[in-house]
Amino acid sequence: MNPSASTPAPLLAPSGQVLLVHGMGRTPWSWWPAQRVWRQAGWQVSRHGYFAGRGRVEGHVAALQARLTALLSGLSADEPL
């Protein structure tokens, strides 16, 4: 495996927010290596976790939407997300 393939490369000047959302059957901790790389590159990183076996999809979507809204409310209009 090419190590650079798993390393996110910032597309914009580091100063924005990155929100990492895991897939079903994973945990927010599965993003830990990527989170470290993004932070070292100067980005502010958050993880959003959910347990797919509990609740309904609508509830997970609402929680993610609330998280995004909270992150966006703290950004200026010209700051990347």
C-alpha atoms as a PDB file:
ATOM      1  CA  MET A   1       0.000   0.000   0.000  1.00  0.00           C
ATOM      2  CA  ASN A   2       1.247   3.448  -0.870  1.00  0.00           C
ATOM      3  CA  PRO A   3       1.623   5.346   2.454  1.00  0.00           C
ATOM      4  CA  SER A   4       0.792   8.649   0.821  1.00  0.00           C
ATOM      5  CA  ALA A   5      -2.555   7.250  -0.316  1.00  0.00           C
ATOM      6  CA  SER A   6      -3.779   7.114   3.289  1.00  0.00           C
ATOM      7  CA  THR A   7      -2.410  10.523   4.233  1.00  0.00           C
ATOM      8  CA  PRO A   8      -4.843  13.382   3.615  1.00  0.00           C
ATOM      9  CA  ALA A   9      -3.301  16.291   1.785  1.00  0.00           C
ATOM     10  CA  PRO A  10      -4.794  19.691   2.640  1.00  0.00           C
ATOM     11  CA  LEU A  11      -6.322  21.254  -0.439  1.00  0.00           C
ATOM     12  CA  LEU A  12      -6.494  24.702   1.109  1.00  0.00           C
ATOM     13  CA  ALA A  13      -4.242  26.655   3.416  1.00  0.00           C
ATOM     14  CA  PRO A  14      -4.379  24.958   6.813  1.00  0.00           C
ATOM     15  CA  SER A  15      -6.736  26.881   9.036  1.00  0.00           C
ATOM     16  CA  GLY A  16     -10.103  25.240   8.520  1.00  0.00           C
ATOM     17  CA  GLN A  17     -12.140  22.573  10.201  1.00  0.00           C
ATOM     18  CA  VAL A  18     -12.205  18.876   9.368  1.00  0.00           C
ATOM     19  CA  LEU A  19     -15.043  16.704  10.659  1.00  0.00           C
ATOM     20  CA  LEU A  20     -14.328  12.980  10.524  1.00  0.00           C
ATOM     21  CA  VAL A  21     -17.358  10.673  10.498  1.00  0.00           C
ATOM     22  CA  HIS A  22     -16.757   6.933  10.792  1.00  0.00           C
ATOM     23  CA  GLY A  23     -18.682   4.281   8.884  1.00  0.00           C
ATOM     24  CA  MET A  24     -20.951   1.551  10.224  1.00  0.00           C
ATOM     25  CA  GLY A  25     -19.113  -1.006  12.291  1.00  0.00           C
ATOM     26  CA  ARG A  26     -16.303   1.443  13.098  1.00  0.00           C
ATOM     27  CA  THR A  27     -15.720   3.866  15.945  1.00  0.00           C
ATOM     28  CA  PRO A  28     -14.539   7.485  16.045  1.00  0.00           C
ATOM     29  CA  TRP A  29     -11.152   6.085  17.120  1.00  0.00           C
ATOM     30  CA  SER A  30     -10.689   4.492  13.694  1.00  0.00           C
ATOM     31  CA  TRP A  31      -9.925   8.026  12.473  1.00  0.00           C
ATOM     32  CA  TRP A  32      -7.146   8.590  15.011  1.00  0.00           C
ATOM     33  CA  PRO A  33      -4.219   8.212  12.535  1.00  0.00           C
ATOM     34  CA  ALA A  34      -5.847  10.545  10.012  1.00  0.00           C
ATOM     35  CA  GLN A  35      -6.782  12.996  12.756  1.00  0.00           C
ATOM     36  CA  ARG A  36      -3.156  13.216  13.834  1.00  0.00           C
ATOM     37  CA  VAL A  37      -2.003  13.918  10.261  1.00  0.00           C
ATOM     38  CA  TRP A  38      -4.614  16.634   9.707  1.00  0.00           C
ATOM     39  CA  ARG A  39      -3.745  18.309  13.031  1.00  0.00           C
ATOM     40  CA  GLN A  40      -0.033  18.225  12.234  1.00  0.00           C
ATOM     41  CA  ALA A  41      -0.885  19.937   8.934  1.00  0.00           C
ATOM     42  CA  GLY A  42      -2.546  22.774  10.873  1.00  0.00           C
ATOM     43  CA  TRP A  43      -6.226  21.865  10.643  1.00  0.00           C
ATOM     44  CA  GLN A  44      -8.728  21.820  13.514  1.00  0.00           C
ATOM     45  CA  VAL A  45     -10.117  18.291  13.643  1.00  0.00           C
ATOM     46  CA  SER A  46     -13.267  16.901  15.236  1.00  0.00           C
ATOM     47  CA  ARG A  47     -14.714  13.410  15.171  1.00  0.00           C
ATOM     48  CA  HIS A  48     -18.398  12.575  15.105  1.00  0.00           C
ATOM     49  CA  GLY A  49     -19.416   9.222  16.498  1.00  0.00           C
ATOM     50  CA  TYR A  50     -22.634   7.256  16.491  1.00  0.00           C
ATOM     51  CA  PHE A  51     -23.694   3.706  17.207  1.00  0.00           C
ATOM     52  CA  ALA A  52     -25.524   2.437  14.131  1.00  0.00           C
ATOM     53  CA  GLY A  53     -27.267  -0.316  16.090  1.00  0.00           C
ATOM     54  CA  ARG A  54     -29.057   2.160  18.316  1.00  0.00           C
ATOM     55  CA  GLY A  55     -31.626   4.658  17.249  1.00  0.00           C
ATOM     56  CA  ARG A  56     -32.875   5.413  13.776  1.00  0.00           C
ATOM     57  CA  VAL A  57     -31.085   6.862  10.785  1.00  0.00           C
ATOM     58  CA  GLU A  58     -33.084  10.070  11.191  1.00  0.00           C
ATOM     59  CA  GLY A  59     -31.678  10.495  14.694  1.00  0.00           C
ATOM     60  CA  HIS A  60     -28.112   9.973  13.496  1.00  0.00           C
ATOM     61  CA  VAL A  61     -28.656  12.477  10.678  1.00  0.00           C
ATOM     62  CA  ALA A  62     -30.104  15.029  13.107  1.00  0.00           C
ATOM     63  CA  ALA A  63     -27.136  14.621  15.456  1.00  0.00           C
ATOM     64  CA  LEU A  64     -24.671  15.046  12.582  1.00  0.00           C
ATOM     65  CA  GLN A  65     -26.570  18.088  11.317  1.00  0.00           C
ATOM     66  CA  ALA A  66     -26.447  19.637  14.798  1.00  0.00           C
ATOM     67  CA  ARG A  67     -22.707  18.971  14.966  1.00  0.00           C
ATOM     68  CA  LEU A  68     -22.134  20.595  11.563  1.00  0.00           C
ATOM     69  CA  THR A  69     -24.281  23.576  12.524  1.00  0.00           C
ATOM     70  CA  ALA A  70     -22.268  24.052  15.706  1.00  0.00           C
ATOM     71  CA  LEU A  71     -18.971  23.846  13.798  1.00  0.00           C
ATOM     72  CA  LEU A  72     -20.166  26.231  11.097  1.00  0.00           C
ATOM     73  CA  SER A  73     -21.446  28.778  13.601  1.00  0.00           C
ATOM     74  CA  GLY A  74     -17.899  29.201  14.893  1.00  0.00           C
ATOM     75  CA  LEU A  75     -16.380  29.887  11.465  1.00  0.00           C
ATOM     76  CA  SER A  76     -16.050  33.135   9.607  1.00  0.00           C
ATOM     77  CA  ALA A  77     -17.590  33.319   6.134  1.00  0.00           C
ATOM     78  CA  ASP A  78     -14.240  32.920   4.359  1.00  0.00           C
ATOM     79  CA  GLU A  79     -12.886  30.072   6.515  1.00  0.00           C
ATOM     80  CA  PRO A  80     -12.899  26.606   4.926  1.00  0.00           C
ATOM     81  CA  LEU A  81     -14.701  23.635   6.421  1.00  0.00           C
END
